[in-house]
Each structure stands twice: as structure tokens, then as C-alpha cells.
C-alpha atoms as a PDB file:
ATOM      1  CA  MET A   1     -18.218  91.473  50.921  1.00  0.00           C
ATOM      2  CA  GLU A   2     -17.853  92.361  47.511  1.00  0.00           C
ATOM      3  CA  ASP A   3     -15.483  89.809  45.334  1.00  0.00           C
ATOM      4  CA  LEU A   4     -11.599  91.660  44.652  1.00  0.00           C
ATOM      5  CA  LEU A   5     -10.461  88.499  42.848  1.00  0.00           C
ATOM      6  CA  ARG A   6     -12.698  85.682  41.890  1.00  0.00           C
ATOM      7  CA  ILE A   7     -11.444  82.463  40.320  1.00  0.00           C
ATOM      8  CA  ASP A   8     -13.954  79.712  39.105  1.00  0.00           C
ATOM      9  CA  GLY A   9     -13.023  76.540  37.528  1.00  0.00           C
ATOM     10  CA  LEU A  10      -9.405  77.127  37.166  1.00  0.00           C
ATOM     11  CA  LYS A  11      -7.139  75.027  35.143  1.00  0.00           C
ATOM     12  CA  LEU A  12      -3.795  75.162  34.217  1.00  0.00           C
ATOM     13  CA  THR A  13      -2.099  72.378  32.259  1.00  0.00           C
ATOM     14  CA  PHE A  14       2.205  72.615  31.673  1.00  0.00           C
ATOM     15  CA  GLU A  15       3.117  70.922  27.959  1.00  0.00           C
ATOM     16  CA  THR A  16       6.676  68.982  29.377  1.00  0.00           C
ATOM     17  CA  HIS A  17       8.538  66.930  27.178  1.00  0.00           C
ATOM     18  CA  ASP A  18       7.081  64.088  28.732  1.00  0.00           C
ATOM     19  CA  GLY A  19       3.759  65.067  28.360  1.00  0.00           C
ATOM     20  CA  PRO A  20       0.904  67.330  29.493  1.00  0.00           C
ATOM     21  CA  VAL A  21       0.899  68.169  33.385  1.00  0.00           C
ATOM     22  CA  SER A  22      -2.703  69.095  34.803  1.00  0.00           C
ATOM     23  CA  VAL A  23      -0.987  71.092  37.821  1.00  0.00           C
ATOM     24  CA  LEU A  24      -4.591  73.249  38.690  1.00  0.00           C
ATOM     25  CA  ARG A  25      -7.806  71.039  38.497  1.00  0.00           C
ATOM     26  CA  GLY A  26     -10.536  73.751  38.449  1.00  0.00           C
ATOM     27  CA  VAL A  27      -9.205  75.951  41.750  1.00  0.00           C
ATOM     28  CA  ASP A  28     -12.333  77.757  42.896  1.00  0.00           C
ATOM     29  CA  LEU A  29     -10.726  81.031  45.013  1.00  0.00           C
ATOM     30  CA  THR A  30     -12.459  84.151  46.434  1.00  0.00           C
ATOM     31  CA  VAL A  31     -10.728  87.210  47.861  1.00  0.00           C
ATOM     32  CA  GLY A  32     -12.864  89.765  48.891  1.00  0.00           C
ATOM     33  CA  THR A  33     -12.116  93.733  49.130  1.00  0.00           C
ATOM     34  CA  GLY A  34      -9.691  94.513  51.897  1.00  0.00           C
ATOM     35  CA  GLU A  35     -10.171  90.612  52.859  1.00  0.00           C
ATOM     36  CA  ARG A  36      -7.058  88.664  54.326  1.00  0.00           C
ATOM     37  CA  VAL A  37      -7.183  84.867  52.533  1.00  0.00           C
ATOM     38  CA  ALA A  38      -4.885  82.025  53.407  1.00  0.00           C
ATOM     39  CA  LEU A  39      -4.291  79.456  51.165  1.00  0.00           C
ATOM     40  CA  VAL A  40      -2.497  76.402  52.743  1.00  0.00           C
ATOM     41  CA  GLY A  41      -1.407  72.975  52.042  1.00  0.00           C
ATOM     42  CA  GLU A  42       1.748  70.932  51.241  1.00  0.00           C
ATOM     43  CA  SER A  43       4.596  71.622  48.674  1.00  0.00           C
ATOM     44  CA  GLY A  44       3.696  70.853  45.451  1.00  0.00           C
ATOM     45  CA  SER A  45      -0.080  71.434  46.728  1.00  0.00           C
ATOM     46  CA  GLY A  46      -0.045  74.368  43.743  1.00  0.00           C
ATOM     47  CA  LYS A  47      -0.350  77.024  45.747  1.00  0.00           C
ATOM     48  CA  SER A  48       2.782  79.782  43.886  1.00  0.00           C
ATOM     49  CA  VAL A  49       1.235  78.393  40.681  1.00  0.00           C
ATOM     50  CA  THR A  50      -1.778  80.007  41.366  1.00  0.00           C
ATOM     51  CA  ALA A  51      -0.368  82.817  42.174  1.00  0.00           C
ATOM     52  CA  ARG A  52       1.512  83.250  38.857  1.00  0.00           C
ATOM     53  CA  ALA A  53      -1.287  82.627  37.116  1.00  0.00           C
ATOM     54  CA  ILE A  54      -2.988  85.412  38.817  1.00  0.00           C
ATOM     55  CA  MET A  55      -0.324  87.737  38.461  1.00  0.00           C
ATOM     56  CA  GLY A  56      -0.013  86.832  34.432  1.00  0.00           C
ATOM     57  CA  LEU A  57       3.906  85.105  34.995  1.00  0.00           C
ATOM     58  CA  LEU A  58       3.593  82.035  34.079  1.00  0.00           C
ATOM     59  CA  PRO A  59       5.361  81.084  30.278  1.00  0.00           C
ATOM     60  CA  GLN A  60       2.974  81.717  27.271  1.00  0.00           C
ATOM     61  CA  ARG A  61       4.326  78.964  25.173  1.00  0.00           C
ATOM     62  CA  ARG A  62       4.320  76.324  27.458  1.00  0.00           C
ATOM     63  CA  VAL A  63       0.961  76.937  29.206  1.00  0.00           C
ATOM     64  CA  ARG A  64      -2.889  76.316  28.379  1.00  0.00           C
ATOM     65  CA  ILE A  65      -5.233  77.786  31.004  1.00  0.00           C
ATOM     66  CA  GLY A  66      -8.697  77.556  31.407  1.00  0.00           C
ATOM     67  CA  GLY A  67     -11.256  78.416  33.573  1.00  0.00           C
ATOM     68  CA  ASN A  68     -12.362  82.154  34.527  1.00  0.00           C
ATOM     69  CA  LEU A  69     -10.287  84.283  36.439  1.00  0.00           C
ATOM     70  CA  HIS A  70     -11.530  88.085  37.639  1.00  0.00           C
ATOM     71  CA  PHE A  71      -9.825  90.458  38.960  1.00  0.00           C
ATOM     72  CA  ASP A  72     -11.773  93.757  39.814  1.00  0.00           C
ATOM     73  CA  GLY A  73     -14.664  93.168  37.594  1.00  0.00           C
ATOM     74  CA  SER A  74     -11.708  92.586  34.165  1.00  0.00           C
ATOM     75  CA  ASP A  75     -11.628  89.338  32.968  1.00  0.00           C
ATOM     76  CA  VAL A  76      -7.811  88.426  33.257  1.00  0.00           C
ATOM     77  CA  LEU A  77      -7.594  85.552  31.046  1.00  0.00           C
ATOM     78  CA  LYS A  78      -8.880  87.699  28.382  1.00  0.00           C
ATOM     79  CA  GLU A  79      -6.539  90.723  28.743  1.00  0.00           C
ATOM     80  CA  SER A  80      -3.920  92.032  26.168  1.00  0.00           C
ATOM     81  CA  ALA A  81      -0.927  91.653  27.091  1.00  0.00           C
ATOM     82  CA  ALA A  82       0.002  95.248  27.407  1.00  0.00           C
ATOM     83  CA  ARG A  83      -2.980  95.462  30.307  1.00  0.00           C
ATOM     84  CA  ALA A  84      -1.728  92.643  32.242  1.00  0.00           C
ATOM     85  CA  LYS A  85       1.546  94.491  32.205  1.00  0.00           C
ATOM     86  CA  ALA A  86       0.388  97.567  33.665  1.00  0.00           C
ATOM     87  CA  ARG A  87      -1.551  96.039  35.812  1.00  0.00           C
ATOM     88  CA  ARG A  88       0.697  94.065  37.459  1.00  0.00           C
ATOM     89  CA  GLY A  89       2.761  96.222  40.130  1.00  0.00           C
ATOM     90  CA  ARG A  90       0.113  98.543  40.414  1.00  0.00           C
ATOM     91  CA  ASP A  91      -3.385  97.134  40.990  1.00  0.00           C
ATOM     92  CA  ILE A  92      -1.614  93.541  42.365  1.00  0.00           C
ATOM     93  CA  THR A  93       1.897  93.249  43.658  1.00  0.00           C
ATOM     94  CA  MET A  94       3.634  89.900  44.934  1.00  0.00           C
ATOM     95  CA  ILE A  95       6.215  89.136  47.600  1.00  0.00           C
ATOM     96  CA  PHE A  96       8.154  86.468  46.500  1.00  0.00           C
ATOM     97  CA  GLN A  97       9.121  84.251  49.095  1.00  0.00           C
ATOM     98  CA  ASP A  98      12.899  84.467  48.623  1.00  0.00           C
ATOM     99  CA  PRO A  99      13.870  88.207  48.633  1.00  0.00           C
ATOM    100  CA  MET A 100      16.996  87.614  48.028  1.00  0.00           C
ATOM    101  CA  ALA A 101      16.360  85.490  44.677  1.00  0.00           C
ATOM    102  CA  ALA A 102      13.594  88.686  44.096  1.00  0.00           C
ATOM    103  CA  LEU A 103      16.118  91.373  44.040  1.00  0.00           C
ATOM    104  CA  ASN A 104      19.178  91.990  41.663  1.00  0.00           C
ATOM    105  CA  PRO A 105      22.571  91.727  43.455  1.00  0.00           C
ATOM    106  CA  VAL A 106      24.073  94.609  41.086  1.00  0.00           C
ATOM    107  CA  PHE A 107      21.465  96.982  41.329  1.00  0.00           C
ATOM    108  CA  THR A 108      21.443  99.373  44.820  1.00  0.00           C
ATOM    109  CA  ILE A 109      18.020  99.074  46.153  1.00  0.00           C
ATOM    110  CA  ARG A 110      17.627 102.750  45.609  1.00  0.00           C
ATOM    111  CA  GLN A 111      18.279 101.845  41.874  1.00  0.00           C
ATOM    112  CA  GLN A 112      15.185  99.132  42.280  1.00  0.00           C
ATOM    113  CA  PHE A 113      13.032 100.836  43.934  1.00  0.00           C
ATOM    114  CA  ALA A 114      13.349 103.786  41.623  1.00  0.00           C
ATOM    115  CA  ALA A 115      11.912 101.356  38.739  1.00  0.00           C
ATOM    116  CA  VAL A 116       9.181 100.307  40.801  1.00  0.00           C
ATOM    117  CA  LEU A 117       8.234 103.923  41.672  1.00  0.00           C
ATOM    118  CA  THR A 118       7.723 104.500  37.528  1.00  0.00           C
ATOM    119  CA  ARG A 119       4.294 102.363  37.732  1.00  0.00           C
ATOM    120  CA  LEU A 120       3.033 104.697  39.859  1.00  0.00           C
ATOM    121  CA  ASP A 121      -0.222 106.694  38.110  1.00  0.00           C
ATOM    122  CA  ARG A 122       1.243 109.822  38.405  1.00  0.00           C
ATOM    123  CA  PRO A 123       5.650 110.140  37.813  1.00  0.00           C
ATOM    124  CA  LEU A 124       7.080 111.740  40.007  1.00  0.00           C
ATOM    125  CA  CYS A 125      10.235 114.254  39.827  1.00  0.00           C
ATOM    126  CA  ALA A 126      13.956 113.214  41.498  1.00  0.00           C
ATOM    127  CA  ALA A 127      13.070 114.806  45.068  1.00  0.00           C
ATOM    128  CA  GLU A 128       9.185 113.509  45.121  1.00  0.00           C
ATOM    129  CA  ALA A 129      10.861 109.703  44.412  1.00  0.00           C
ATOM    130  CA  GLU A 130      13.692 110.129  47.064  1.00  0.00           C
ATOM    131  CA  ASP A 131      10.543 111.163  49.626  1.00  0.00           C
ATOM    132  CA  SER A 132       8.512 108.277  48.650  1.00  0.00           C
ATOM    133  CA  MET A 133      10.915 105.802  49.150  1.00  0.00           C
ATOM    134  CA  ARG A 134      12.217 106.778  52.540  1.00  0.00           C
ATOM    135  CA  THR A 135       8.722 106.875  53.835  1.00  0.00           C
ATOM    136  CA  ALA A 136       7.626 103.831  52.615  1.00  0.00           C
ATOM    137  CA  LEU A 137      10.619 102.158  54.398  1.00  0.00           C
ATOM    138  CA  ARG A 138      10.284 103.719  57.356  1.00  0.00           C
ATOM    139  CA  ASP A 139       6.501 102.241  57.077  1.00  0.00           C
ATOM    140  CA  VAL A 140       7.859  99.071  57.630  1.00  0.00           C
ATOM    141  CA  SER A 141       9.947 100.012  60.861  1.00  0.00           C
ATOM    142  CA  ILE A 142      13.325 100.578  58.752  1.00  0.00           C
ATOM    143  CA  ALA A 143      14.568 103.527  60.994  1.00  0.00           C
ATOM    144  CA  ASP A 144      17.903 104.287  58.214  1.00  0.00           C
ATOM    145  CA  PRO A 145      15.925 104.228  55.228  1.00  0.00           C
ATOM    146  CA  GLU A 146      19.110 105.985  53.487  1.00  0.00           C
ATOM    147  CA  ARG A 147      21.692 103.027  54.302  1.00  0.00           C
ATOM    148  CA  VAL A 148      19.210 101.049  53.063  1.00  0.00           C
ATOM    149  CA  LEU A 149      18.990 102.659  49.752  1.00  0.00           C
ATOM    150  CA  ASP A 150      22.305 103.011  49.165  1.00  0.00           C
ATOM    151  CA  SER A 151      23.096  99.192  49.756  1.00  0.00           C
ATOM    152  CA  TYR A 152      22.863  96.145  47.796  1.00  0.00           C
ATOM    153  CA  SER A 153      20.707  93.161  48.933  1.00  0.00           C
ATOM    154  CA  PHE A 154      23.744  91.015  49.304  1.00  0.00           C
ATOM    155  CA  GLN A 155      24.705  93.517  51.950  1.00  0.00           C
ATOM    156  CA  LEU A 156      21.611  93.428  54.265  1.00  0.00           C
ATOM    157  CA  SER A 157      20.445  90.882  56.357  1.00  0.00           C
ATOM    158  CA  GLY A 158      17.120  88.711  55.185  1.00  0.00           C
ATOM    159  CA  GLY A 159      14.759  90.536  57.542  1.00  0.00           C
ATOM    160  CA  LEU A 160      16.000  94.042  55.892  1.00  0.00           C
ATOM    161  CA  ASN A 161      15.213  92.450  52.268  1.00  0.00           C
ATOM    162  CA  GLN A 162      11.922  91.343  53.142  1.00  0.00           C
ATOM    163  CA  ARG A 163      11.088  94.432  54.665  1.00  0.00           C
ATOM    164  CA  VAL A 164      12.407  96.253  51.174  1.00  0.00           C
ATOM    165  CA  MET A 165       9.968  93.572  49.519  1.00  0.00           C
ATOM    166  CA  ILE A 166       6.953  94.737  51.438  1.00  0.00           C
ATOM    167  CA  ALA A 167       7.535  98.846  51.238  1.00  0.00           C
ATOM    168  CA  MET A 168       7.890  98.172  47.372  1.00  0.00           C
ATOM    169  CA  ALA A 169       4.775  95.904  47.259  1.00  0.00           C
ATOM    170  CA  LEU A 170       2.834  98.231  48.835  1.00  0.00           C
ATOM    171  CA  VAL A 171       4.320 101.700  47.966  1.00  0.00           C
ATOM    172  CA  SER A 172       1.719 101.630  44.972  1.00  0.00           C
ATOM    173  CA  ARG A 173      -1.172 101.182  47.591  1.00  0.00           C
ATOM    174  CA  PRO A 174      -2.413  98.092  45.467  1.00  0.00           C
ATOM    175  CA  LYS A 175      -5.928  96.381  45.298  1.00  0.00           C
ATOM    176  CA  LEU A 176      -4.071  93.335  46.300  1.00  0.00           C
ATOM    177  CA  LEU A 177      -0.976  91.771  47.727  1.00  0.00           C
ATOM    178  CA  ILE A 178      -0.011  88.775  46.850  1.00  0.00           C
ATOM    179  CA  ALA A 179       2.520  86.900  49.319  1.00  0.00           C
ATOM    180  CA  ASP A 180       3.925  83.919  48.779  1.00  0.00           C
ATOM    181  CA  GLU A 181       5.526  82.551  51.970  1.00  0.00           C
ATOM    182  CA  PRO A 182       6.736  85.819  52.931  1.00  0.00           C
ATOM    183  CA  GLY A 183       8.429  84.492  56.674  1.00  0.00           C
ATOM    184  CA  THR A 184      10.052  81.129  55.074  1.00  0.00           C
ATOM    185  CA  ALA A 185      13.556  82.446  55.516  1.00  0.00           C
ATOM    186  CA  LEU A 186      13.911  84.696  58.312  1.00  0.00           C
ATOM    187  CA  ASP A 187      13.513  84.026  62.293  1.00  0.00           C
ATOM    188  CA  VAL A 188      10.732  83.919  64.274  1.00  0.00           C
ATOM    189  CA  THR A 189      10.972  87.378  65.561  1.00  0.00           C
ATOM    190  CA  VAL A 190      11.383  88.807  62.375  1.00  0.00           C
ATOM    191  CA  GLN A 191       8.912  87.091  60.583  1.00  0.00           C
ATOM    192  CA  GLN A 192       6.059  88.106  63.698  1.00  0.00           C
ATOM    193  CA  GLN A 193       7.383  91.753  62.895  1.00  0.00           C
ATOM    194  CA  THR A 194       6.747  91.210  58.971  1.00  0.00           C
ATOM    195  CA  LEU A 195       3.374  90.013  59.846  1.00  0.00           C
ATOM    196  CA  HIS A 196       2.448  92.487  62.020  1.00  0.00           C
ATOM    197  CA  ILE A 197       3.385  95.030  59.635  1.00  0.00           C
ATOM    198  CA  MET A 198       1.662  93.600  56.273  1.00  0.00           C
ATOM    199  CA  GLY A 199      -1.536  93.450  58.843  1.00  0.00           C
ATOM    200  CA  ASN A 200      -1.082  97.233  59.887  1.00  0.00           C
ATOM    201  CA  LEU A 201      -0.361  98.446  55.790  1.00  0.00           C
ATOM    202  CA  SER A 202      -3.374  96.259  54.876  1.00  0.00           C
ATOM    203  CA  ARG A 203      -5.870  97.692  57.504  1.00  0.00           C
ATOM    204  CA  SER A 204      -4.293 101.296  56.276  1.00  0.00           C
ATOM    205  CA  TYR A 205      -4.797 101.343  52.841  1.00  0.00           C
ATOM    206  CA  GLY A 206      -7.739  99.029  52.431  1.00  0.00           C
ATOM    207  CA  THR A 207      -5.264  96.330  50.522  1.00  0.00           C
ATOM    208  CA  ALA A 208      -6.840  92.578  50.471  1.00  0.00           C
ATOM    209  CA  ILE A 209      -4.090  89.916  50.991  1.00  0.00           C
ATOM    210  CA  LEU A 210      -3.750  86.621  49.548  1.00  0.00           C
ATOM    211  CA  PHE A 211      -1.249  84.433  52.206  1.00  0.00           C
ATOM    212  CA  ILE A 212       0.175  81.452  50.864  1.00  0.00           C
ATOM    213  CA  SER A 213       1.929  79.333  53.477  1.00  0.00           C
ATOM    214  CA  HIS A 214       2.189  76.308  55.369  1.00  0.00           C
ATOM    215  CA  ASN A 215       2.984  77.749  58.791  1.00  0.00           C
ATOM    216  CA  LEU A 216      -0.622  77.343  60.415  1.00  0.00           C
ATOM    217  CA  GLY A 217       0.070  79.034  63.274  1.00  0.00           C
ATOM    218  CA  VAL A 218       1.397  82.061  61.571  1.00  0.00           C
ATOM    219  CA  VAL A 219      -2.136  81.708  59.277  1.00  0.00           C
ATOM    220  CA  ARG A 220      -4.907  81.036  62.246  1.00  0.00           C
ATOM    221  CA  LYS A 221      -3.416  84.798  63.488  1.00  0.00           C
ATOM    222  CA  PHE A 222      -3.020  86.382  60.864  1.00  0.00           C
ATOM    223  CA  ALA A 223      -5.878  85.013  57.922  1.00  0.00           C
ATOM    224  CA  ASP A 224      -9.772  85.954  57.751  1.00  0.00           C
ATOM    225  CA  ARG A 225     -10.365  82.731  55.873  1.00  0.00           C
ATOM    226  CA  VAL A 226      -8.390  79.574  55.114  1.00  0.00           C
ATOM    227  CA  CYS A 227      -8.379  77.813  51.642  1.00  0.00           C
ATOM    228  CA  VAL A 228      -6.792  74.102  51.476  1.00  0.00           C
ATOM    229  CA  MET A 229      -5.367  73.379  48.587  1.00  0.00           C
ATOM    230  CA  TYR A 230      -3.875  70.024  47.870  1.00  0.00           C
ATOM    231  CA  ALA A 231      -2.778  68.595  44.367  1.00  0.00           C
ATOM    232  CA  GLY A 232      -4.081  71.313  42.142  1.00  0.00           C
ATOM    233  CA  ARG A 233      -7.639  71.881  43.742  1.00  0.00           C
ATOM    234  CA  ILE A 234      -9.646  73.467  46.909  1.00  0.00           C
ATOM    235  CA  VAL A 235     -10.299  70.665  49.084  1.00  0.00           C
ATOM    236  CA  GLU A 236     -12.048  72.709  52.040  1.00  0.00           C
ATOM    237  CA  GLU A 237     -12.318  76.575  53.072  1.00  0.00           C
ATOM    238  CA  ALA A 238     -13.860  78.109  55.916  1.00  0.00           C
ATOM    239  CA  PRO A 239     -13.243  81.120  58.334  1.00  0.00           C
ATOM    240  CA  THR A 240     -10.345  80.839  59.827  1.00  0.00           C
ATOM    241  CA  ASP A 241     -11.846  79.863  63.443  1.00  0.00           C
ATOM    242  CA  VAL A 242     -14.256  77.713  62.232  1.00  0.00           C
ATOM    243  CA  LEU A 243     -11.491  75.514  60.149  1.00  0.00           C
ATOM    244  CA  PHE A 244      -9.397  74.943  63.141  1.00  0.00           C
ATOM    245  CA  SER A 245     -12.040  74.402  65.314  1.00  0.00           C
ATOM    246  CA  ASP A 246     -14.002  71.793  63.708  1.00  0.00           C
ATOM    247  CA  PRO A 247     -11.820  71.005  60.406  1.00  0.00           C
ATOM    248  CA  ARG A 248     -13.795  68.641  58.175  1.00  0.00           C
ATOM    249  CA  HIS A 249     -11.724  67.304  55.288  1.00  0.00           C
ATOM    250  CA  PRO A 250      -9.336  64.228  55.986  1.00  0.00           C
ATOM    251  CA  TYR A 251      -6.813  66.209  54.684  1.00  0.00           C
ATOM    252  CA  THR A 252      -7.170  69.326  56.512  1.00  0.00           C
ATOM    253  CA  ARG A 253      -7.312  66.955  59.656  1.00  0.00           C
ATOM    254  CA  ALA A 254      -4.026  65.209  58.884  1.00  0.00           C
ATOM    255  CA  LEU A 255      -2.043  69.005  58.843  1.00  0.00           C
ATOM    256  CA  LEU A 256      -3.898  70.187  61.675  1.00  0.00           C
ATOM    257  CA  ALA A 257      -2.496  67.074  63.552  1.00  0.00           C
ATOM    258  CA  SER A 258       0.752  66.883  61.971  1.00  0.00           C
ATOM    259  CA  VAL A 259       1.692  70.569  63.877  1.00  0.00           C
ATOM    260  CA  PRO A 260       3.505  69.621  66.938  1.00  0.00           C
ATOM    261  CA  ARG A 261       2.260  71.008  70.542  1.00  0.00           C
ATOM    262  CA  LEU A 262       3.796  72.673  73.399  1.00  0.00           C
ATOM    263  CA  SER A 263       1.602  70.929  75.783  1.00  0.00           C
ATOM    264  CA  SER A 264       2.706  67.222  74.203  1.00  0.00           C
ATOM    265  CA  ASP A 265       6.163  65.944  74.678  1.00  0.00           C
ATOM    266  CA  ARG A 266       5.770  63.673  71.865  1.00  0.00           C
ATOM    267  CA  LEU A 267       6.384  64.800  67.796  1.00  0.00           C
ATOM    268  CA  PRO A 268       2.942  64.299  66.388  1.00  0.00           C
ATOM    269  CA  GLU A 269       2.662  61.986  63.680  1.00  0.00           C
ATOM    270  CA  PRO A 270       3.282  63.101  59.895  1.00  0.00           C
ATOM    271  CA  ILE A 271       1.151  62.497  57.132  1.00  0.00           C
ATOM    272  CA  GLY A 272       2.031  58.962  55.333  1.00  0.00           C
ATOM    273  CA  GLY A 273       2.597  58.698  51.912  1.00  0.00           C
ATOM    274  CA  SER A 274       3.798  62.088  49.569  1.00  0.00           C
ATOM    275  CA  VAL A 275       1.810  64.119  47.568  1.00  0.00           C
ATOM    276  CA  PRO A 276       0.809  62.639  44.388  1.00  0.00           C
ATOM    277  CA  ASP A 277       2.396  62.735  40.889  1.00  0.00           C
ATOM    278  CA  LEU A 278       0.370  65.356  39.209  1.00  0.00           C
ATOM    279  CA  ALA A 279       1.492  63.875  35.663  1.00  0.00           C
ATOM    280  CA  ALA A 280      -0.228  60.777  36.944  1.00  0.00           C
ATOM    281  CA  LEU A 281      -2.777  61.314  38.701  1.00  0.00           C
ATOM    282  CA  ALA A 282      -5.531  59.091  39.023  1.00  0.00           C
ATOM    283  CA  ASP A 283      -9.511  59.895  38.766  1.00  0.00           C
ATOM    284  CA  GLY A 284     -11.339  60.478  42.331  1.00  0.00           C
ATOM    285  CA  CYS A 285     -10.158  62.055  44.652  1.00  0.00           C
ATOM    286  CA  PRO A 286      -6.379  62.651  45.176  1.00  0.00           C
ATOM    287  CA  PHE A 287      -5.993  62.045  48.731  1.00  0.00           C
ATOM    288  CA  GLU A 288      -7.704  58.940  49.019  1.00  0.00           C
ATOM    289  CA  PRO A 289      -3.998  56.837  49.177  1.00  0.00           C
ATOM    290  CA  ARG A 290      -3.088  58.686  51.895  1.00  0.00           C
ATOM    291  CA  CYS A 291      -6.576  58.887  53.643  1.00  0.00           C
ATOM    292  CA  PRO A 292      -7.057  56.865  56.797  1.00  0.00           C
ATOM    293  CA  SER A 293     -11.054  56.777  56.508  1.00  0.00           C
ATOM    294  CA  ALA A 294     -11.060  56.210  52.453  1.00  0.00           C
ATOM    295  CA  ARG A 295     -13.599  53.572  50.528  1.00  0.00           C
ATOM    296  CA  PRO A 296     -13.691  52.288  47.139  1.00  0.00           C
ATOM    297  CA  GLU A 297     -16.140  55.275  46.457  1.00  0.00           C
ATOM    298  CA  CYS A 298     -13.743  57.529  46.413  1.00  0.00           C
ATOM    299  CA  ARG A 299     -12.174  56.810  43.134  1.00  0.00           C
ATOM    300  CA  GLY A 300     -15.056  58.385  41.783  1.00  0.00           C
ATOM    301  CA  SER A 301     -16.491  62.027  40.857  1.00  0.00           C
ATOM    302  CA  VAL A 302     -15.535  64.258  44.092  1.00  0.00           C
ATOM    303  CA  PRO A 303     -18.393  66.231  45.063  1.00  0.00           C
ATOM    304  CA  VAL A 304     -18.560  69.516  46.842  1.00  0.00           C
ATOM    305  CA  HIS A 305     -20.241  69.944  49.683  1.00  0.00           C
ATOM    306  CA  ARG A 306     -21.282  73.829  50.942  1.00  0.00           C
ATOM    307  CA  PHE A 307     -22.677  74.458  53.590  1.00  0.00           C
ATOM    308  CA  ASP A 308     -23.005  77.740  56.339  1.00  0.00           C
ATOM    309  CA  GLY A 309     -20.580  79.744  54.441  1.00  0.00           C
ATOM    310  CA  ARG A 310     -17.515  76.897  53.893  1.00  0.00           C
ATOM    311  CA  SER A 311     -17.153  73.828  50.943  1.00  0.00           C
ATOM    312  CA  VAL A 312     -15.533  70.467  51.678  1.00  0.00           C
ATOM    313  CA  THR A 313     -14.792  68.231  48.474  1.00  0.00           C
ATOM    314  CA  CYS A 314     -15.176  64.702  49.784  1.00  0.00           C
ATOM    315  CA  ILE A 315     -17.076  62.419  48.981  1.00  0.00           C
ATOM    316  CA  GLN A 316     -17.811  60.930  52.596  1.00  0.00           C
ATOM    317  CA  GLU A 317     -20.993  62.933  54.956  1.00  0.00           C
ATOM    318  CA  VAL A 318     -17.884  64.512  56.997  1.00  0.00           C
ATOM    319  CA  ALA A 319     -18.748  65.034  60.455  1.00  0.00           C
ATOM    320  CA  PRO A 320     -16.316  67.714  63.205  1.00  0.00           C
ATOM    321  CA  ALA A 321     -13.111  66.200  64.509  1.00  0.00           C
END
């Protein structure tokens, strides 16, 4: 599969009043054309920052960024601001975690959707724009698009707002859709419907999806491949069925072990400790203080093992769980 998005050694540092903080420390990530890749990990791992770096939505004055980030053959980090703006909302679109915060409450859905349509390659007349908006909303199973278009975001439910966001993100037929925790604010039924809609539209339009989530149950059903992120680095990557059946990195095993199971009458043990402070991160493996199988060598350089189409960043000769 040809790489639509390729990230090699992406490093990102925020300049703060207390000094520089490295939040991405050599991220390697690929998304193939039409592929669905999940990026998982605890809060604070760097998932959303990675998404915003791809979109070009980071504040330029307080950020230092290095490495390679290529999208559809273009070097994103060397592009002009005008080129990045032209690509955003057209070739790459994003569904944000909280639709109520992403949609402006002082404009109707119609006004905001119309602004999205101005990003298309071909300008639309008023009648074409109205037809395009209604069709896009029906594609995401909104039965009464006229009422939704006339509404403000605060007049709609969280599920409807999320569907509006999906319709806006896919109306341009993007090559890549970044979905940042799209089901967090939704109940289970609406979340399942939302993911089903995203999957169907992805297959229909050939859109690749970078799906950011902490819900491993959803990831297992939705993604073709999973990248596990911890402290600003991908620590394990594998096809979805392989990763869930044979996790190799201690952090991946701990994540999977912390998921509640209907077959057990006991709650699983949480991962001990917490995500490290990125401003005071020591050398070596960042998971070492929380790892049950850590040893002194873990405080040195951490190698990346690549085999059978997967990768694991761990000093140990890891074996199947």
C-alpha cells in the first residue's frame, strides 16, 4: 500500500516560561491510501499534538519542530503557510474531540457549512451549496437536514453535532481524515452509529483515516493497524488483530490488561503510576518507572525491533504474552 502520510523522526518542543518541553520525541508513523490507522495511548501521550502538527494548527512562535512529515508527496514542514492553509479543509480534514467547542454557537449550522464549501476546488452557486449540504447531512443519517441547517449548535444534541462535524469533514472528499476521539462525548449507541458512518463513507470515497482514541474496544473493530503511543513516541505498531492477540511491549500489555471484561466479575488492575512529566523526562525508556519487568539496562538507549510488519521499541527481547 502506498504511503499517503509518512512521518519520520518527528520532534516537537514547546517553548514555555519554565523552559523547553519536548512533547514529541521521534515519532514514526505512516498511513496508507484508504487505510484506517488508530493512534492509542493514555492522555498526555502526544496523540492530539501529533494530529495538530499534521494539520499545521500549532502556534508557530512557541514551537520548534523537526524531522520529516510528508503528505501526498509534499514536505509539509517546508511548505509555505499559504500552501498549508490551502490543503487544510480540502485534502486533510479533522473531526475534533468536542463538537460543541468546535462549532461556533453564534452562527447557524448552515452558515458554518457554507463556509466549509468555499474550500472546495469548484465554487458552488447558492442552489448547489444548499443541495450539497443536504446531501452531506443525509449521508450521515440525518433525516431532517433542513431543521439541522437552520439550528445553532446548542440547539442540537451531541450526537447530531458530531454527525454535522463528520459531514463537514467529508464533504470535500479528503484524502485523509483525522478523527480525534470523535465518540468521547457520545453515548454508546450514537458512538457506534458514528463509527459505522465514518467507515462506510471512508470505503465509498477512499478516504484514509487516522483515528485517535483511548477506547481499545472501538479500535479493535474499526482500525486496520494500531500505533501505541507513550510519552511522545510510538512504542509499538502492528496490524490490529496481531497486536490484540500478541502484544509485545509491556505498555501495550498493560493497556490491554486494564480493559474491563464481561467474563470477569472483578475490575482489572490499573496501570501503576502515571504518565511522566515531559518537562523532566529522564533518558532511556519512559515507561521504565511503571514497567513490572524493568531492569537497569532500560535506562539506556532504547532500540526499535522491526519484524513481520510490526515494530516494538523495547530493550528486552520481548516474547508473546
